[in-house]
Amino acid sequence: MAPVGGTAVQDRVALAEIELCGELIIAASAVPDERLSVDRIDEVLRLAEALPEGPDDEG
């Protein structure tokens, strides 16, 4: 039986969250002796792509 309404949306969101967690784990494993910088975390999570441009942003 196919998911109904909100369940399908929740499934997509959950899968996206799992994918992002996996990306963070892969990135963190590449630097075993130190923590990921905030900039690197933003890069892995592709936050620049998700955030709308503000009036101070160039682009």
PDB file of N, CA and C in Angstrom:
ATOM      1  N   MET A   1       0.837  -1.171   0.000  1.00  0.00           N
ATOM      2  CA  MET A   1       0.000   0.000   0.000  1.00  0.00           C
ATOM      3  C   MET A   1       0.890   1.246   0.000  1.00  0.00           C
ATOM      4  N   ALA A   2       0.595   2.214  -0.814  1.00  0.00           N
ATOM      5  CA  ALA A   2       1.385   3.447  -0.944  1.00  0.00           C
ATOM      6  C   ALA A   2       1.120   4.379   0.235  1.00  0.00           C
ATOM      7  N   PRO A   3       2.141   5.145   0.618  1.00  0.00           N
ATOM      8  CA  PRO A   3       1.942   6.126   1.686  1.00  0.00           C
ATOM      9  C   PRO A   3       0.891   7.150   1.294  1.00  0.00           C
ATOM     10  N   VAL A   4       0.159   7.650   2.282  1.00  0.00           N
ATOM     11  CA  VAL A   4      -0.910   8.598   2.019  1.00  0.00           C
ATOM     12  C   VAL A   4      -0.519   9.982   2.520  1.00  0.00           C
ATOM     13  N   GLY A   5      -0.711  10.997   1.684  1.00  0.00           N
ATOM     14  CA  GLY A   5      -0.552  12.386   2.068  1.00  0.00           C
ATOM     15  C   GLY A   5       0.760  12.730   2.746  1.00  0.00           C
ATOM     16  N   GLY A   6       0.675  13.148   4.013  1.00  0.00           N
ATOM     17  CA  GLY A   6       1.820  13.627   4.768  1.00  0.00           C
ATOM     18  C   GLY A   6       2.912  12.599   4.973  1.00  0.00           C
ATOM     19  N   THR A   7       2.574  11.331   4.954  1.00  0.00           N
ATOM     20  CA  THR A   7       3.577  10.289   5.158  1.00  0.00           C
ATOM     21  C   THR A   7       4.633  10.310   4.070  1.00  0.00           C
ATOM     22  N   ALA A   8       4.230  10.513   2.836  1.00  0.00           N
ATOM     23  CA  ALA A   8       5.189  10.559   1.732  1.00  0.00           C
ATOM     24  C   ALA A   8       6.136  11.739   1.900  1.00  0.00           C
ATOM     25  N   VAL A   9       5.615  12.861   2.341  1.00  0.00           N
ATOM     26  CA  VAL A   9       6.446  14.050   2.569  1.00  0.00           C
ATOM     27  C   VAL A   9       7.424  13.769   3.702  1.00  0.00           C
ATOM     28  N   GLN A  10       6.943  13.177   4.777  1.00  0.00           N
ATOM     29  CA  GLN A  10       7.803  12.841   5.908  1.00  0.00           C
ATOM     30  C   GLN A  10       8.895  11.870   5.493  1.00  0.00           C
ATOM     31  N   ASP A  11       8.561  10.917   4.641  1.00  0.00           N
ATOM     32  CA  ASP A  11       9.554   9.965   4.155  1.00  0.00           C
ATOM     33  C   ASP A  11      10.646  10.675   3.367  1.00  0.00           C
ATOM     34  N   ARG A  12      10.282  11.610   2.501  1.00  0.00           N
ATOM     35  CA  ARG A  12      11.277  12.355   1.716  1.00  0.00           C
ATOM     36  C   ARG A  12      12.168  13.182   2.627  1.00  0.00           C
ATOM     37  N   VAL A  13      11.569  13.819   3.623  1.00  0.00           N
ATOM     38  CA  VAL A  13      12.344  14.634   4.559  1.00  0.00           C
ATOM     39  C   VAL A  13      13.296  13.749   5.356  1.00  0.00           C
ATOM     40  N   ALA A  14      12.796  12.614   5.830  1.00  0.00           N
ATOM     41  CA  ALA A  14      13.634  11.695   6.600  1.00  0.00           C
ATOM     42  C   ALA A  14      14.793  11.183   5.755  1.00  0.00           C
ATOM     43  N   LEU A  15      14.538  10.831   4.506  1.00  0.00           N
ATOM     44  CA  LEU A  15      15.602  10.357   3.626  1.00  0.00           C
ATOM     45  C   LEU A  15      16.635  11.440   3.361  1.00  0.00           C
ATOM     46  N   ALA A  16      16.188  12.673   3.198  1.00  0.00           N
ATOM     47  CA  ALA A  16      17.117  13.792   2.988  1.00  0.00           C
ATOM     48  C   ALA A  16      17.980  13.997   4.229  1.00  0.00           C
ATOM     49  N   GLU A  17      17.376  13.907   5.421  1.00  0.00           N
ATOM     50  CA  GLU A  17      18.138  14.059   6.662  1.00  0.00           C
ATOM     51  C   GLU A  17      19.168  12.941   6.811  1.00  0.00           C
ATOM     52  N   ILE A  18      18.782  11.724   6.475  1.00  0.00           N
ATOM     53  CA  ILE A  18      19.705  10.591   6.552  1.00  0.00           C
ATOM     54  C   ILE A  18      20.866  10.786   5.589  1.00  0.00           C
ATOM     55  N   GLU A  19      20.568  11.267   4.388  1.00  0.00           N
ATOM     56  CA  GLU A  19      21.619  11.515   3.396  1.00  0.00           C
ATOM     57  C   GLU A  19      22.601  12.577   3.899  1.00  0.00           C
ATOM     58  N   LEU A  20      22.085  13.660   4.475  1.00  0.00           N
ATOM     59  CA  LEU A  20      22.959  14.719   4.989  1.00  0.00           C
ATOM     60  C   LEU A  20      23.806  14.219   6.162  1.00  0.00           C
ATOM     61  N   CYS A  21      23.219  13.411   7.031  1.00  0.00           N
ATOM     62  CA  CYS A  21      23.994  12.834   8.139  1.00  0.00           C
ATOM     63  C   CYS A  21      25.116  11.960   7.593  1.00  0.00           C
ATOM     64  N   GLY A  22      24.827  11.194   6.579  1.00  0.00           N
ATOM     65  CA  GLY A  22      25.847  10.365   5.948  1.00  0.00           C
ATOM     66  C   GLY A  22      26.969  11.201   5.371  1.00  0.00           C
ATOM     67  N   GLU A  23      26.618  12.313   4.723  1.00  0.00           N
ATOM     68  CA  GLU A  23      27.634  13.207   4.161  1.00  0.00           C
ATOM     69  C   GLU A  23      28.521  13.777   5.259  1.00  0.00           C
ATOM     70  N   LEU A  24      27.909  14.142   6.401  1.00  0.00           N
ATOM     71  CA  LEU A  24      28.696  14.654   7.518  1.00  0.00           C
ATOM     72  C   LEU A  24      29.629  13.589   8.084  1.00  0.00           C
ATOM     73  N   ILE A  25      29.150  12.356   8.181  1.00  0.00           N
ATOM     74  CA  ILE A  25      29.980  11.263   8.688  1.00  0.00           C
ATOM     75  C   ILE A  25      31.169  11.033   7.763  1.00  0.00           C
ATOM     76  N   ILE A  26      30.931  11.043   6.460  1.00  0.00           N
ATOM     77  CA  ILE A  26      32.017  10.860   5.493  1.00  0.00           C
ATOM     78  C   ILE A  26      33.029  11.991   5.616  1.00  0.00           C
ATOM     79  N   ALA A  27      32.539  13.226   5.708  1.00  0.00           N
ATOM     80  CA  ALA A  27      33.444  14.372   5.834  1.00  0.00           C
ATOM     81  C   ALA A  27      34.239  14.291   7.133  1.00  0.00           C
ATOM     82  N   ALA A  28      33.585  13.913   8.224  1.00  0.00           N
ATOM     83  CA  ALA A  28      34.270  13.823   9.511  1.00  0.00           C
ATOM     84  C   ALA A  28      35.315  12.710   9.507  1.00  0.00           C
ATOM     85  N   SER A  29      35.054  11.644   8.806  1.00  0.00           N
ATOM     86  CA  SER A  29      36.020  10.543   8.769  1.00  0.00           C
ATOM     87  C   SER A  29      37.274  10.912   7.973  1.00  0.00           C
ATOM     88  N   ALA A  30      37.168  11.946   7.142  1.00  0.00           N
ATOM     89  CA  ALA A  30      38.316  12.383   6.350  1.00  0.00           C
ATOM     90  C   ALA A  30      39.310  13.191   7.183  1.00  0.00           C
ATOM     91  N   VAL A  31      38.881  13.672   8.346  1.00  0.00           N
ATOM     92  CA  VAL A  31      39.754  14.437   9.248  1.00  0.00           C
ATOM     93  C   VAL A  31      39.696  13.819  10.647  1.00  0.00           C
ATOM     94  N   PRO A  32      40.283  12.635  10.820  1.00  0.00           N
ATOM     95  CA  PRO A  32      40.108  11.884  12.068  1.00  0.00           C
ATOM     96  C   PRO A  32      40.700  12.538  13.313  1.00  0.00           C
ATOM     97  N   ASP A  33      41.691  13.389  13.171  1.00  0.00           N
ATOM     98  CA  ASP A  33      42.353  13.956  14.346  1.00  0.00           C
ATOM     99  C   ASP A  33      41.839  15.326  14.753  1.00  0.00           C
ATOM    100  N   GLU A  34      40.824  15.832  14.074  1.00  0.00           N
ATOM    101  CA  GLU A  34      40.307  17.149  14.413  1.00  0.00           C
ATOM    102  C   GLU A  34      38.814  17.210  14.123  1.00  0.00           C
ATOM    103  N   ARG A  35      38.190  18.256  14.583  1.00  0.00           N
ATOM    104  CA  ARG A  35      36.762  18.456  14.341  1.00  0.00           C
ATOM    105  C   ARG A  35      36.557  19.171  13.013  1.00  0.00           C
ATOM    106  N   LEU A  36      35.368  18.989  12.448  1.00  0.00           N
ATOM    107  CA  LEU A  36      35.027  19.732  11.236  1.00  0.00           C
ATOM    108  C   LEU A  36      34.797  21.189  11.610  1.00  0.00           C
ATOM    109  N   SER A  37      35.296  22.078  10.785  1.00  0.00           N
ATOM    110  CA  SER A  37      35.047  23.501  11.015  1.00  0.00           C
ATOM    111  C   SER A  37      33.597  23.815  10.654  1.00  0.00           C
ATOM    112  N   VAL A  38      33.104  24.908  11.180  1.00  0.00           N
ATOM    113  CA  VAL A  38      31.750  25.333  10.864  1.00  0.00           C
ATOM    114  C   VAL A  38      31.623  25.570   9.359  1.00  0.00           C
ATOM    115  N   ASP A  39      32.646  26.146   8.753  1.00  0.00           N
ATOM    116  CA  ASP A  39      32.617  26.377   7.309  1.00  0.00           C
ATOM    117  C   ASP A  39      32.525  25.070   6.533  1.00  0.00           C
ATOM    118  N   ARG A  40      33.265  24.048   6.970  1.00  0.00           N
ATOM    119  CA  ARG A  40      33.239  22.749   6.292  1.00  0.00           C
ATOM    120  C   ARG A  40      31.874  22.083   6.459  1.00  0.00           C
ATOM    121  N   ILE A  41      31.290  22.203   7.640  1.00  0.00           N
ATOM    122  CA  ILE A  41      29.952  21.643   7.862  1.00  0.00           C
ATOM    123  C   ILE A  41      28.951  22.323   6.937  1.00  0.00           C
ATOM    124  N   ASP A  42      29.024  23.660   6.849  1.00  0.00           N
ATOM    125  CA  ASP A  42      28.133  24.392   5.947  1.00  0.00           C
ATOM    126  C   ASP A  42      28.317  23.928   4.503  1.00  0.00           C
ATOM    127  N   GLU A  43      29.573  23.701   4.124  1.00  0.00           N
ATOM    128  CA  GLU A  43      29.866  23.245   2.763  1.00  0.00           C
ATOM    129  C   GLU A  43      29.269  21.860   2.513  1.00  0.00           C
ATOM    130  N   VAL A  44      29.455  20.949   3.458  1.00  0.00           N
ATOM    131  CA  VAL A  44      28.931  19.590   3.305  1.00  0.00           C
ATOM    132  C   VAL A  44      27.405  19.603   3.222  1.00  0.00           C
ATOM    133  N   LEU A  45      26.775  20.429   4.046  1.00  0.00           N
ATOM    134  CA  LEU A  45      25.318  20.504   4.054  1.00  0.00           C
ATOM    135  C   LEU A  45      24.758  21.379   2.937  1.00  0.00           C
ATOM    136  N   ARG A  46      25.653  21.972   2.146  1.00  0.00           N
ATOM    137  CA  ARG A  46      25.271  22.816   1.020  1.00  0.00           C
ATOM    138  C   ARG A  46      24.337  23.945   1.454  1.00  0.00           C
ATOM    139  N   LEU A  47      24.691  24.591   2.581  1.00  0.00           N
ATOM    140  CA  LEU A  47      23.847  25.660   3.109  1.00  0.00           C
ATOM    141  C   LEU A  47      23.800  26.873   2.200  1.00  0.00           C
ATOM    142  N   ALA A  48      24.888  27.154   1.508  1.00  0.00           N
ATOM    143  CA  ALA A  48      24.902  28.307   0.606  1.00  0.00           C
ATOM    144  C   ALA A  48      23.843  28.151  -0.490  1.00  0.00           C
ATOM    145  N   GLU A  49      23.595  26.918  -0.902  1.00  0.00           N
ATOM    146  CA  GLU A  49      22.583  26.662  -1.928  1.00  0.00           C
ATOM    147  C   GLU A  49      21.167  26.813  -1.376  1.00  0.00           C
ATOM    148  N   ALA A  50      20.996  26.515  -0.085  1.00  0.00           N
ATOM    149  CA  ALA A  50      19.669  26.510   0.521  1.00  0.00           C
ATOM    150  C   ALA A  50      19.227  27.876   1.021  1.00  0.00           C
ATOM    151  N   LEU A  51      20.184  28.743   1.345  1.00  0.00           N
ATOM    152  CA  LEU A  51      19.837  30.040   1.910  1.00  0.00           C
ATOM    153  C   LEU A  51      19.529  31.051   0.815  1.00  0.00           C
ATOM    154  N   PRO A  52      18.481  31.827   1.011  1.00  0.00           N
ATOM    155  CA  PRO A  52      18.180  32.874   0.027  1.00  0.00           C
ATOM    156  C   PRO A  52      19.221  33.986   0.137  1.00  0.00           C
ATOM    157  N   GLU A  53      19.441  34.660  -0.968  1.00  0.00           N
ATOM    158  CA  GLU A  53      20.403  35.763  -0.960  1.00  0.00           C
ATOM    159  C   GLU A  53      19.776  36.955  -0.252  1.00  0.00           C
ATOM    160  N   GLY A  54      20.559  37.556   0.624  1.00  0.00           N
ATOM    161  CA  GLY A  54      20.102  38.738   1.342  1.00  0.00           C
ATOM    162  C   GLY A  54      20.574  40.000   0.644  1.00  0.00           C
ATOM    163  N   PRO A  55      20.197  41.152   1.163  1.00  0.00           N
ATOM    164  CA  PRO A  55      20.579  42.413   0.512  1.00  0.00           C
ATOM    165  C   PRO A  55      22.076  42.667   0.564  1.00  0.00           C
ATOM    166  N   ASP A  56      22.792  42.071   1.535  1.00  0.00           N
ATOM    167  CA  ASP A  56      24.234  42.274   1.650  1.00  0.00           C
ATOM    168  C   ASP A  56      25.046  41.264   0.840  1.00  0.00           C
ATOM    169  N   ASP A  57      24.381  40.215   0.324  1.00  0.00           N
ATOM    170  CA  ASP A  57      25.081  39.168  -0.412  1.00  0.00           C
ATOM    171  C   ASP A  57      25.371  39.618  -1.834  1.00  0.00           C
ATOM    172  N   GLU A  58      26.542  39.231  -2.318  1.00  0.00           N
ATOM    173  CA  GLU A  58      26.882  39.505  -3.711  1.00  0.00           C
ATOM    174  C   GLU A  58      26.498  38.287  -4.529  1.00  0.00           C
ATOM    175  N   GLY A  59      26.110  38.463  -5.757  1.00  0.00           N
ATOM    176  CA  GLY A  59      25.825  37.298  -6.558  1.00  0.00           C
ATOM    177  C   GLY A  59      24.885  37.522  -7.601  1.00  0.00           C
TER     178      GLY A  59
END
